[in-house]
Every structure is written in structure tokens, then in C-alpha cells.
């Protein structure tokens, strides 16, 4: 399909969710939601395709 772009955004665990879900993600470095949102914006608004955006 022309014009179809597929990307993956991989933010890991969101910092603001650590209070509730932290015990399930021991050893993971939390990422602020605002930083994860930038990764999604880059994926949707950018021209890249076939990319994995790892949010660290």
C-alpha cells in the first residue's frame, strides 16, 4: 500500500505509573510520560518508516 508507514515506539515503563505498577517492573528505568509522548509524535508526524523508536 502506498503511503503506509509502520513504526514501533518502545517507551518501557512510564514514570508516572511506577507507584502502581513498579513492583512488576523491578530493574527497569522509568521514562517520563512527556518523553514517551515525544517518541509517539516523532513516529506519527515524521517521515520515517520501518523504525523502532526506543525511548530511554
PDB file of N, CA and C in Angstrom:
ATOM      1  N   UNK A   1       0.843  -1.187   0.000  1.00  0.00           N
ATOM      2  CA  UNK A   1       0.000   0.000   0.000  1.00  0.00           C
ATOM      3  C   UNK A   1       0.882   1.241   0.000  1.00  0.00           C
ATOM      4  N   UNK A   2       0.639   2.093  -0.910  1.00  0.00           N
ATOM      5  CA  UNK A   2       1.393   3.341  -0.955  1.00  0.00           C
ATOM      6  C   UNK A   2       0.989   4.245   0.201  1.00  0.00           C
ATOM      7  N   UNK A   3       1.974   4.925   0.742  1.00  0.00           N
ATOM      8  CA  UNK A   3       1.700   5.876   1.813  1.00  0.00           C
ATOM      9  C   UNK A   3       1.565   5.257   3.192  1.00  0.00           C
ATOM     10  N   UNK A   4       1.635   3.938   3.281  1.00  0.00           N
ATOM     11  CA  UNK A   4       1.519   3.275   4.572  1.00  0.00           C
ATOM     12  C   UNK A   4       2.885   3.261   5.247  1.00  0.00           C
ATOM     13  N   UNK A   5       2.917   3.736   6.479  1.00  0.00           N
ATOM     14  CA  UNK A   5       4.151   3.721   7.263  1.00  0.00           C
ATOM     15  C   UNK A   5       3.887   2.927   8.525  1.00  0.00           C
ATOM     16  N   UNK A   6       4.843   2.116   8.917  1.00  0.00           N
ATOM     17  CA  UNK A   6       4.710   1.327  10.136  1.00  0.00           C
ATOM     18  C   UNK A   6       5.962   1.544  10.975  1.00  0.00           C
ATOM     19  N   UNK A   7       5.759   1.996  12.202  1.00  0.00           N
ATOM     20  CA  UNK A   7       6.839   2.200  13.161  1.00  0.00           C
ATOM     21  C   UNK A   7       6.438   1.583  14.493  1.00  0.00           C
ATOM     22  N   UNK A   8       7.413   1.388  15.344  1.00  0.00           N
ATOM     23  CA  UNK A   8       7.187   0.897  16.702  1.00  0.00           C
ATOM     24  C   UNK A   8       7.762   1.922  17.668  1.00  0.00           C
ATOM     25  N   UNK A   9       7.009   2.228  18.723  1.00  0.00           N
ATOM     26  CA  UNK A   9       7.506   3.096  19.790  1.00  0.00           C
ATOM     27  C   UNK A   9       7.600   2.236  21.044  1.00  0.00           C
ATOM     28  N   UNK A  10       8.778   2.192  21.638  1.00  0.00           N
ATOM     29  CA  UNK A  10       9.030   1.340  22.793  1.00  0.00           C
ATOM     30  C   UNK A  10       9.516   2.176  23.975  1.00  0.00           C
ATOM     31  N   UNK A  11       8.561   2.695  24.795  1.00  0.00           N
ATOM     32  CA  UNK A  11       8.970   3.556  25.896  1.00  0.00           C
ATOM     33  C   UNK A  11       9.324   2.832  27.184  1.00  0.00           C
ATOM     34  N   UNK A  12       9.058   1.561  27.303  1.00  0.00           N
ATOM     35  CA  UNK A  12       9.264   0.899  28.584  1.00  0.00           C
ATOM     36  C   UNK A  12       8.183   1.306  29.573  1.00  0.00           C
ATOM     37  N   UNK A  13       8.524   1.320  30.851  1.00  0.00           N
ATOM     38  CA  UNK A  13       7.530   1.668  31.878  1.00  0.00           C
ATOM     39  C   UNK A  13       7.498   3.188  32.059  1.00  0.00           C
ATOM     40  N   UNK A  14       6.306   3.721  32.193  1.00  0.00           N
ATOM     41  CA  UNK A  14       6.110   5.164  32.342  1.00  0.00           C
ATOM     42  C   UNK A  14       6.301   5.558  33.808  1.00  0.00           C
ATOM     43  N   UNK A  15       7.096   6.585  34.014  1.00  0.00           N
ATOM     44  CA  UNK A  15       7.456   7.039  35.363  1.00  0.00           C
ATOM     45  C   UNK A  15       6.233   7.289  36.245  1.00  0.00           C
ATOM     46  N   UNK A  16       5.225   7.927  35.685  1.00  0.00           N
ATOM     47  CA  UNK A  16       4.035   8.280  36.462  1.00  0.00           C
ATOM     48  C   UNK A  16       3.216   7.054  36.872  1.00  0.00           C
ATOM     49  N   UNK A  17       3.485   5.904  36.276  1.00  0.00           N
ATOM     50  CA  UNK A  17       2.758   4.678  36.613  1.00  0.00           C
ATOM     51  C   UNK A  17       3.516   3.807  37.614  1.00  0.00           C
ATOM     52  N   UNK A  18       4.718   4.216  37.991  1.00  0.00           N
ATOM     53  CA  UNK A  18       5.553   3.387  38.863  1.00  0.00           C
ATOM     54  C   UNK A  18       4.947   3.146  40.238  1.00  0.00           C
ATOM     55  N   UNK A  19       4.199   4.103  40.748  1.00  0.00           N
ATOM     56  CA  UNK A  19       3.598   3.920  42.071  1.00  0.00           C
ATOM     57  C   UNK A  19       2.686   2.697  42.087  1.00  0.00           C
ATOM     58  N   UNK A  20       1.949   2.497  41.020  1.00  0.00           N
ATOM     59  CA  UNK A  20       1.010   1.376  40.942  1.00  0.00           C
ATOM     60  C   UNK A  20       1.680   0.116  40.390  1.00  0.00           C
ATOM     61  N   UNK A  21       2.448   0.258  39.310  1.00  0.00           N
ATOM     62  CA  UNK A  21       2.980  -0.901  38.601  1.00  0.00           C
ATOM     63  C   UNK A  21       4.454  -1.183  38.868  1.00  0.00           C
ATOM     64  N   UNK A  22       5.095  -0.360  39.672  1.00  0.00           N
ATOM     65  CA  UNK A  22       6.517  -0.516  39.956  1.00  0.00           C
ATOM     66  C   UNK A  22       6.948  -1.914  40.368  1.00  0.00           C
ATOM     67  N   UNK A  23       6.178  -2.590  41.244  1.00  0.00           N
ATOM     68  CA  UNK A  23       6.585  -3.938  41.646  1.00  0.00           C
ATOM     69  C   UNK A  23       6.694  -4.929  40.480  1.00  0.00           C
ATOM     70  N   UNK A  24       5.993  -4.675  39.398  1.00  0.00           N
ATOM     71  CA  UNK A  24       6.036  -5.566  38.232  1.00  0.00           C
ATOM     72  C   UNK A  24       7.197  -5.237  37.291  1.00  0.00           C
ATOM     73  N   UNK A  25       7.849  -4.105  37.533  1.00  0.00           N
ATOM     74  CA  UNK A  25       8.908  -3.645  36.634  1.00  0.00           C
ATOM     75  C   UNK A  25      10.207  -3.370  37.383  1.00  0.00           C
ATOM     76  N   UNK A  26      10.532  -4.208  38.342  1.00  0.00           N
ATOM     77  CA  UNK A  26      11.778  -4.037  39.091  1.00  0.00           C
ATOM     78  C   UNK A  26      12.968  -4.120  38.130  1.00  0.00           C
ATOM     79  N   UNK A  27      13.908  -3.204  38.303  1.00  0.00           N
ATOM     80  CA  UNK A  27      15.096  -3.181  37.460  1.00  0.00           C
ATOM     81  C   UNK A  27      14.943  -2.379  36.179  1.00  0.00           C
ATOM     82  N   UNK A  28      13.729  -1.893  35.908  1.00  0.00           N
ATOM     83  CA  UNK A  28      13.502  -1.080  34.712  1.00  0.00           C
ATOM     84  C   UNK A  28      13.707   0.393  35.048  1.00  0.00           C
ATOM     85  N   UNK A  29      14.237   1.140  34.106  1.00  0.00           N
ATOM     86  CA  UNK A  29      14.377   2.581  34.275  1.00  0.00           C
ATOM     87  C   UNK A  29      13.112   3.254  33.763  1.00  0.00           C
ATOM     88  N   UNK A  30      12.369   3.923  34.633  1.00  0.00           N
ATOM     89  CA  UNK A  30      11.139   4.582  34.182  1.00  0.00           C
ATOM     90  C   UNK A  30      11.424   5.775  33.272  1.00  0.00           C
ATOM     91  N   UNK A  31      10.487   6.032  32.372  1.00  0.00           N
ATOM     92  CA  UNK A  31      10.587   7.124  31.406  1.00  0.00           C
ATOM     93  C   UNK A  31       9.442   8.093  31.661  1.00  0.00           C
ATOM     94  N   UNK A  32       9.703   9.392  31.751  1.00  0.00           N
ATOM     95  CA  UNK A  32       8.607  10.355  31.924  1.00  0.00           C
ATOM     96  C   UNK A  32       7.623  10.274  30.753  1.00  0.00           C
ATOM     97  N   UNK A  33       6.340  10.412  31.045  1.00  0.00           N
ATOM     98  CA  UNK A  33       5.305  10.340  30.011  1.00  0.00           C
ATOM     99  C   UNK A  33       5.535  11.376  28.916  1.00  0.00           C
ATOM    100  N   UNK A  34       6.019  12.552  29.277  1.00  0.00           N
ATOM    101  CA  UNK A  34       6.261  13.601  28.279  1.00  0.00           C
ATOM    102  C   UNK A  34       7.317  13.159  27.267  1.00  0.00           C
ATOM    103  N   UNK A  35       8.355  12.445  27.719  1.00  0.00           N
ATOM    104  CA  UNK A  35       9.388  11.963  26.804  1.00  0.00           C
ATOM    105  C   UNK A  35       8.820  10.869  25.892  1.00  0.00           C
ATOM    106  N   UNK A  36       7.991   9.982  26.454  1.00  0.00           N
ATOM    107  CA  UNK A  36       7.358   8.941  25.638  1.00  0.00           C
ATOM    108  C   UNK A  36       6.455   9.569  24.583  1.00  0.00           C
ATOM    109  N   UNK A  37       5.731  10.616  24.956  1.00  0.00           N
ATOM    110  CA  UNK A  37       4.841  11.303  24.012  1.00  0.00           C
ATOM    111  C   UNK A  37       5.623  11.878  22.840  1.00  0.00           C
ATOM    112  N   UNK A  38       6.821  12.380  23.095  1.00  0.00           N
ATOM    113  CA  UNK A  38       7.659  12.899  22.006  1.00  0.00           C
ATOM    114  C   UNK A  38       8.028  11.791  21.018  1.00  0.00           C
ATOM    115  N   UNK A  39       8.253  10.599  21.535  1.00  0.00           N
ATOM    116  CA  UNK A  39       8.566   9.465  20.663  1.00  0.00           C
ATOM    117  C   UNK A  39       7.400   9.111  19.761  1.00  0.00           C
ATOM    118  N   UNK A  40       6.186   9.135  20.331  1.00  0.00           N
ATOM    119  CA  UNK A  40       4.996   8.857  19.520  1.00  0.00           C
ATOM    120  C   UNK A  40       4.792   9.955  18.479  1.00  0.00           C
ATOM    121  N   UNK A  41       5.016  11.201  18.861  1.00  0.00           N
ATOM    122  CA  UNK A  41       4.872  12.311  17.910  1.00  0.00           C
ATOM    123  C   UNK A  41       5.880  12.161  16.770  1.00  0.00           C
ATOM    124  N   UNK A  42       7.098  11.788  17.097  1.00  0.00           N
ATOM    125  CA  UNK A  42       8.129  11.591  16.071  1.00  0.00           C
ATOM    126  C   UNK A  42       7.712  10.485  15.103  1.00  0.00           C
ATOM    127  N   UNK A  43       7.135   9.417  15.645  1.00  0.00           N
ATOM    128  CA  UNK A  43       6.702   8.302  14.813  1.00  0.00           C
ATOM    129  C   UNK A  43       5.552   8.688  13.887  1.00  0.00           C
ATOM    130  N   UNK A  44       4.579   9.401  14.422  1.00  0.00           N
ATOM    131  CA  UNK A  44       3.378   9.747  13.658  1.00  0.00           C
ATOM    132  C   UNK A  44       3.635  10.889  12.681  1.00  0.00           C
ATOM    133  N   UNK A  45       4.338  11.911  13.134  1.00  0.00           N
ATOM    134  CA  UNK A  45       4.500  13.122  12.326  1.00  0.00           C
ATOM    135  C   UNK A  45       5.735  13.096  11.427  1.00  0.00           C
ATOM    136  N   UNK A  46       6.659  12.195  11.711  1.00  0.00           N
ATOM    137  CA  UNK A  46       7.879  12.126  10.913  1.00  0.00           C
ATOM    138  C   UNK A  46       7.671  11.371   9.608  1.00  0.00           C
ATOM    139  N   UNK A  47       8.726  11.275   8.837  1.00  0.00           N
ATOM    140  CA  UNK A  47       8.653  10.603   7.540  1.00  0.00           C
ATOM    141  C   UNK A  47       9.229   9.193   7.580  1.00  0.00           C
ATOM    142  N   UNK A  48       9.791   8.802   8.724  1.00  0.00           N
ATOM    143  CA  UNK A  48      10.435   7.501   8.826  1.00  0.00           C
ATOM    144  C   UNK A  48       9.398   6.379   8.749  1.00  0.00           C
ATOM    145  N   UNK A  49       9.854   5.234   8.277  1.00  0.00           N
ATOM    146  CA  UNK A  49       9.026   4.036   8.283  1.00  0.00           C
ATOM    147  C   UNK A  49       9.919   2.833   8.569  1.00  0.00           C
ATOM    148  N   UNK A  50       9.338   1.820   9.169  1.00  0.00           N
ATOM    149  CA  UNK A  50      10.101   0.624   9.497  1.00  0.00           C
ATOM    150  C   UNK A  50      11.086   0.830  10.630  1.00  0.00           C
ATOM    151  N   UNK A  51      10.815   1.803  11.498  1.00  0.00           N
ATOM    152  CA  UNK A  51      11.742   2.154  12.576  1.00  0.00           C
ATOM    153  C   UNK A  51      11.201   1.713  13.934  1.00  0.00           C
ATOM    154  N   UNK A  52      12.117   1.440  14.843  1.00  0.00           N
ATOM    155  CA  UNK A  52      11.779   1.230  16.246  1.00  0.00           C
ATOM    156  C   UNK A  52      12.333   2.415  17.012  1.00  0.00           C
ATOM    157  N   UNK A  53      11.460   3.162  17.652  1.00  0.00           N
ATOM    158  CA  UNK A  53      11.866   4.314  18.452  1.00  0.00           C
ATOM    159  C   UNK A  53      11.928   3.862  19.909  1.00  0.00           C
ATOM    160  N   UNK A  54      13.129   3.656  20.408  1.00  0.00           N
ATOM    161  CA  UNK A  54      13.312   3.254  21.806  1.00  0.00           C
ATOM    162  C   UNK A  54      13.428   4.519  22.641  1.00  0.00           C
ATOM    163  N   UNK A  55      12.563   4.637  23.619  1.00  0.00           N
ATOM    164  CA  UNK A  55      12.542   5.811  24.481  1.00  0.00           C
ATOM    165  C   UNK A  55      13.252   5.432  25.774  1.00  0.00           C
ATOM    166  N   UNK A  56      14.424   6.013  25.993  1.00  0.00           N
ATOM    167  CA  UNK A  56      15.232   5.680  27.173  1.00  0.00           C
ATOM    168  C   UNK A  56      15.296   6.837  28.126  1.00  0.00           C
TER     169      UNK A  56
END
